[in-house]
N, C-alpha and C. Protein backbone atom coordinates (compact mmCIF):
# COMPACT_ATOMS: atom_id res chain seq x y z
N UNK A 1 -17.44 -2.98 1.12
CA UNK A 1 -16.43 -2.19 0.45
C UNK A 1 -16.43 -0.79 1.05
N UNK A 2 -15.25 -0.30 1.38
CA UNK A 2 -15.10 1.04 1.93
C UNK A 2 -14.67 1.98 0.81
N UNK A 3 -15.58 2.88 0.43
CA UNK A 3 -15.30 3.78 -0.68
C UNK A 3 -14.97 5.18 -0.19
N UNK A 4 -14.21 5.90 -1.03
CA UNK A 4 -13.90 7.29 -0.76
C UNK A 4 -13.95 8.05 -2.08
N UNK A 5 -14.15 9.36 -1.97
CA UNK A 5 -14.14 10.26 -3.11
C UNK A 5 -12.89 11.11 -3.03
N UNK A 6 -12.10 11.13 -4.09
CA UNK A 6 -10.89 11.94 -4.14
C UNK A 6 -11.08 12.99 -5.22
N UNK A 7 -10.83 14.25 -4.86
CA UNK A 7 -10.86 15.33 -5.85
C UNK A 7 -9.47 15.92 -5.98
N UNK A 8 -9.09 16.23 -7.22
CA UNK A 8 -7.78 16.79 -7.53
C UNK A 8 -8.00 18.03 -8.37
N UNK A 9 -7.40 19.15 -7.96
CA UNK A 9 -7.57 20.41 -8.69
C UNK A 9 -6.29 21.21 -8.70
N UNK A 10 -6.02 21.87 -9.82
CA UNK A 10 -4.86 22.75 -9.91
C UNK A 10 -4.48 23.02 -11.35
N UNK A 11 -3.39 23.74 -11.52
CA UNK A 11 -2.89 24.09 -12.84
C UNK A 11 -2.55 22.82 -13.61
N UNK A 12 -2.98 22.75 -14.85
CA UNK A 12 -2.75 21.55 -15.66
C UNK A 12 -1.27 21.38 -15.98
N UNK A 13 -0.83 20.15 -15.89
CA UNK A 13 0.53 19.77 -16.26
C UNK A 13 0.53 18.31 -16.67
N UNK A 14 1.57 17.89 -17.31
CA UNK A 14 1.68 16.51 -17.77
C UNK A 14 1.85 15.55 -16.60
N UNK A 15 1.12 14.43 -16.63
CA UNK A 15 1.35 13.34 -15.69
C UNK A 15 0.55 13.37 -14.40
N UNK A 16 -0.45 14.23 -14.29
CA UNK A 16 -1.22 14.31 -13.05
C UNK A 16 -1.92 12.99 -12.76
N UNK A 17 -2.66 12.48 -13.73
CA UNK A 17 -3.40 11.23 -13.52
C UNK A 17 -2.43 10.10 -13.19
N UNK A 18 -1.33 10.04 -13.90
CA UNK A 18 -0.34 8.98 -13.66
C UNK A 18 0.23 9.06 -12.25
N UNK A 19 0.56 10.27 -11.78
CA UNK A 19 1.16 10.42 -10.45
C UNK A 19 0.18 10.03 -9.35
N UNK A 20 -1.08 10.47 -9.48
CA UNK A 20 -2.08 10.16 -8.47
C UNK A 20 -2.38 8.65 -8.49
N UNK A 21 -2.60 8.10 -9.69
CA UNK A 21 -2.91 6.67 -9.80
C UNK A 21 -1.77 5.80 -9.31
N UNK A 22 -0.54 6.19 -9.58
CA UNK A 22 0.62 5.43 -9.11
C UNK A 22 0.67 5.42 -7.59
N UNK A 23 0.46 6.59 -6.97
CA UNK A 23 0.50 6.65 -5.50
C UNK A 23 -0.61 5.80 -4.89
N UNK A 24 -1.81 5.85 -5.48
CA UNK A 24 -2.91 5.03 -4.98
C UNK A 24 -2.57 3.55 -5.11
N UNK A 25 -1.98 3.16 -6.22
CA UNK A 25 -1.59 1.78 -6.43
C UNK A 25 -0.55 1.34 -5.39
N UNK A 26 0.39 2.21 -5.08
CA UNK A 26 1.41 1.89 -4.07
C UNK A 26 0.77 1.64 -2.70
N UNK A 27 -0.37 2.28 -2.44
CA UNK A 27 -1.07 2.10 -1.17
C UNK A 27 -2.14 1.00 -1.27
N UNK A 28 -2.18 0.29 -2.41
CA UNK A 28 -3.13 -0.81 -2.66
C UNK A 28 -4.58 -0.32 -2.64
N UNK A 29 -4.80 0.85 -3.23
CA UNK A 29 -6.13 1.44 -3.34
C UNK A 29 -6.57 1.33 -4.80
N UNK A 30 -7.74 0.73 -5.01
CA UNK A 30 -8.27 0.50 -6.35
C UNK A 30 -9.16 1.66 -6.79
N UNK A 31 -8.94 2.14 -8.01
CA UNK A 31 -9.79 3.18 -8.59
C UNK A 31 -11.00 2.50 -9.21
N UNK A 32 -12.20 2.89 -8.75
CA UNK A 32 -13.44 2.31 -9.25
C UNK A 32 -14.05 3.13 -10.38
N UNK A 33 -13.90 4.44 -10.29
CA UNK A 33 -14.48 5.34 -11.30
C UNK A 33 -13.65 6.61 -11.32
N UNK A 34 -13.56 7.23 -12.48
CA UNK A 34 -12.74 8.43 -12.62
C UNK A 34 -13.33 9.33 -13.71
N UNK A 35 -13.30 10.62 -13.47
CA UNK A 35 -13.66 11.60 -14.48
C UNK A 35 -12.70 12.77 -14.33
N UNK A 36 -12.34 13.36 -15.44
CA UNK A 36 -11.43 14.51 -15.39
C UNK A 36 -11.73 15.44 -16.54
N UNK A 37 -11.38 16.70 -16.33
CA UNK A 37 -11.54 17.69 -17.38
C UNK A 37 -10.52 18.80 -17.16
N UNK A 38 -10.30 19.58 -18.20
CA UNK A 38 -9.43 20.74 -18.11
C UNK A 38 -10.26 21.95 -18.51
N UNK A 39 -10.32 22.93 -17.63
CA UNK A 39 -11.09 24.15 -17.86
C UNK A 39 -10.14 25.34 -17.84
N UNK A 40 -9.93 25.96 -18.99
CA UNK A 40 -9.09 27.16 -19.09
C UNK A 40 -7.72 26.97 -18.44
N UNK A 41 -7.12 25.80 -18.67
CA UNK A 41 -5.79 25.54 -18.15
C UNK A 41 -5.74 24.96 -16.75
N UNK A 42 -6.90 24.74 -16.13
CA UNK A 42 -6.96 24.16 -14.78
C UNK A 42 -7.54 22.76 -14.85
N UNK A 43 -6.84 21.84 -14.22
CA UNK A 43 -7.19 20.43 -14.23
C UNK A 43 -8.10 20.12 -13.05
N UNK A 44 -9.16 19.36 -13.30
CA UNK A 44 -10.03 18.87 -12.22
C UNK A 44 -10.29 17.38 -12.45
N UNK A 45 -10.27 16.62 -11.36
CA UNK A 45 -10.51 15.18 -11.46
C UNK A 45 -11.25 14.72 -10.21
N UNK A 46 -12.18 13.82 -10.41
CA UNK A 46 -12.90 13.17 -9.31
C UNK A 46 -12.70 11.67 -9.50
N UNK A 47 -12.40 10.99 -8.38
CA UNK A 47 -12.21 9.54 -8.41
C UNK A 47 -13.01 8.91 -7.28
N UNK A 48 -13.64 7.80 -7.55
CA UNK A 48 -14.21 6.96 -6.50
C UNK A 48 -13.25 5.79 -6.35
N UNK A 49 -12.81 5.56 -5.11
CA UNK A 49 -11.81 4.53 -4.87
C UNK A 49 -12.29 3.55 -3.80
N UNK A 50 -11.72 2.36 -3.83
CA UNK A 50 -11.98 1.31 -2.84
C UNK A 50 -10.78 1.26 -1.89
N UNK A 51 -11.01 1.53 -0.60
CA UNK A 51 -9.94 1.59 0.38
C UNK A 51 -9.64 0.26 1.06
N UNK A 52 -10.42 -0.77 0.79
CA UNK A 52 -10.29 -2.04 1.52
C UNK A 52 -8.90 -2.66 1.42
N UNK A 53 -8.23 -2.53 0.30
CA UNK A 53 -6.91 -3.14 0.14
C UNK A 53 -5.79 -2.39 0.83
N UNK A 54 -6.07 -1.17 1.27
CA UNK A 54 -5.01 -0.30 1.81
C UNK A 54 -4.48 -0.78 3.16
N UNK A 55 -5.31 -1.42 3.97
CA UNK A 55 -4.89 -1.88 5.29
C UNK A 55 -4.25 -0.76 6.11
N UNK A 56 -4.85 0.42 6.06
CA UNK A 56 -4.38 1.56 6.85
C UNK A 56 -5.57 2.44 7.19
N UNK A 57 -5.41 3.24 8.22
CA UNK A 57 -6.46 4.16 8.64
C UNK A 57 -6.70 5.21 7.57
N UNK A 58 -7.89 5.80 7.58
CA UNK A 58 -8.26 6.82 6.61
C UNK A 58 -7.28 7.99 6.65
N UNK A 59 -6.90 8.42 7.84
CA UNK A 59 -5.96 9.55 7.96
C UNK A 59 -4.60 9.20 7.36
N UNK A 60 -4.19 7.95 7.44
CA UNK A 60 -2.91 7.53 6.84
C UNK A 60 -2.98 7.60 5.32
N UNK A 61 -4.14 7.29 4.75
CA UNK A 61 -4.31 7.41 3.30
C UNK A 61 -4.17 8.88 2.90
N UNK A 62 -4.84 9.76 3.63
CA UNK A 62 -4.75 11.19 3.35
C UNK A 62 -3.29 11.65 3.45
N UNK A 63 -2.59 11.23 4.48
CA UNK A 63 -1.18 11.58 4.64
C UNK A 63 -0.33 11.00 3.51
N UNK A 64 -0.70 9.83 3.03
CA UNK A 64 0.02 9.19 1.94
C UNK A 64 -0.09 9.95 0.63
N UNK A 65 -1.14 10.76 0.50
CA UNK A 65 -1.31 11.58 -0.70
C UNK A 65 -0.52 12.89 -0.63
N UNK A 66 0.05 13.20 0.54
CA UNK A 66 0.73 14.48 0.73
C UNK A 66 1.91 14.66 -0.22
N UNK A 67 2.67 13.61 -0.47
CA UNK A 67 3.82 13.74 -1.38
C UNK A 67 3.38 14.11 -2.79
N UNK A 68 2.19 13.64 -3.21
CA UNK A 68 1.67 14.00 -4.53
C UNK A 68 1.22 15.46 -4.52
N UNK A 69 0.55 15.87 -3.45
CA UNK A 69 0.15 17.27 -3.32
C UNK A 69 1.38 18.18 -3.45
N UNK A 70 2.41 17.84 -2.70
CA UNK A 70 3.61 18.66 -2.67
C UNK A 70 4.32 18.69 -4.02
N UNK A 71 4.48 17.53 -4.63
CA UNK A 71 5.25 17.47 -5.88
C UNK A 71 4.52 18.12 -7.05
N UNK A 72 3.20 18.04 -7.07
CA UNK A 72 2.43 18.62 -8.17
C UNK A 72 1.91 20.02 -7.86
N UNK A 73 1.91 20.41 -6.59
CA UNK A 73 1.33 21.70 -6.22
C UNK A 73 -0.17 21.73 -6.45
N UNK A 74 -0.82 20.58 -6.24
CA UNK A 74 -2.26 20.44 -6.49
C UNK A 74 -3.01 20.38 -5.16
N UNK A 75 -4.29 20.70 -5.22
CA UNK A 75 -5.19 20.48 -4.10
C UNK A 75 -5.78 19.08 -4.27
N UNK A 76 -5.58 18.23 -3.27
CA UNK A 76 -6.14 16.87 -3.32
C UNK A 76 -6.89 16.64 -2.02
N UNK A 77 -8.21 16.40 -2.16
CA UNK A 77 -9.06 16.12 -0.99
C UNK A 77 -9.56 14.69 -1.09
N UNK A 78 -9.65 14.04 0.07
CA UNK A 78 -10.25 12.71 0.14
C UNK A 78 -11.36 12.76 1.17
N UNK A 79 -12.50 12.18 0.82
CA UNK A 79 -13.65 12.19 1.71
C UNK A 79 -14.29 10.81 1.71
N UNK A 80 -14.70 10.37 2.88
CA UNK A 80 -15.41 9.09 2.96
C UNK A 80 -16.70 9.17 2.15
N UNK A 81 -16.96 8.16 1.37
CA UNK A 81 -18.13 8.16 0.49
C UNK A 81 -19.44 8.21 1.27
N UNK A 82 -19.50 7.53 2.43
CA UNK A 82 -20.75 7.54 3.20
C UNK A 82 -21.07 8.95 3.69
N UNK A 83 -20.06 9.75 3.99
CA UNK A 83 -20.29 11.14 4.41
C UNK A 83 -20.75 11.96 3.21
N UNK A 84 -20.10 11.78 2.06
CA UNK A 84 -20.49 12.47 0.85
C UNK A 84 -21.94 12.14 0.48
N UNK A 85 -22.30 10.87 0.54
CA UNK A 85 -23.68 10.47 0.23
C UNK A 85 -24.67 11.06 1.21
N UNK A 86 -24.34 11.07 2.49
CA UNK A 86 -25.24 11.61 3.52
C UNK A 86 -25.46 13.10 3.31
N UNK A 87 -24.43 13.84 2.93
CA UNK A 87 -24.57 15.28 2.71
C UNK A 87 -25.53 15.58 1.57
N UNK A 88 -25.60 14.69 0.60
CA UNK A 88 -26.43 14.94 -0.57
C UNK A 88 -27.84 14.33 -0.47
N UNK A 89 -28.11 13.67 0.65
CA UNK A 89 -29.46 13.16 0.90
C UNK A 89 -30.33 14.20 1.58
N UNK A 90 -29.72 15.18 2.19
CA UNK A 90 -30.47 16.19 2.97
C UNK A 90 -31.17 17.15 2.05
């Protein structure tokens, strides 16, 4: 299984989780785990996703999230899970 970590941050508004989850579903990416919170009006979310169903390169997945970034005005980062895990083993 090819996993990635997606972080979403920005001003809170209605429908953030729905918009991100819908876009991931359109790319055939399964959400494995999710956590979110709102701090003083700012939304933060972390998701662990399975990229195996996407049938596209990692950079194409990142590019596929651009329309959500643009429409919501949010910061959305995607990182390969093996890199994230390696950084935290040191």
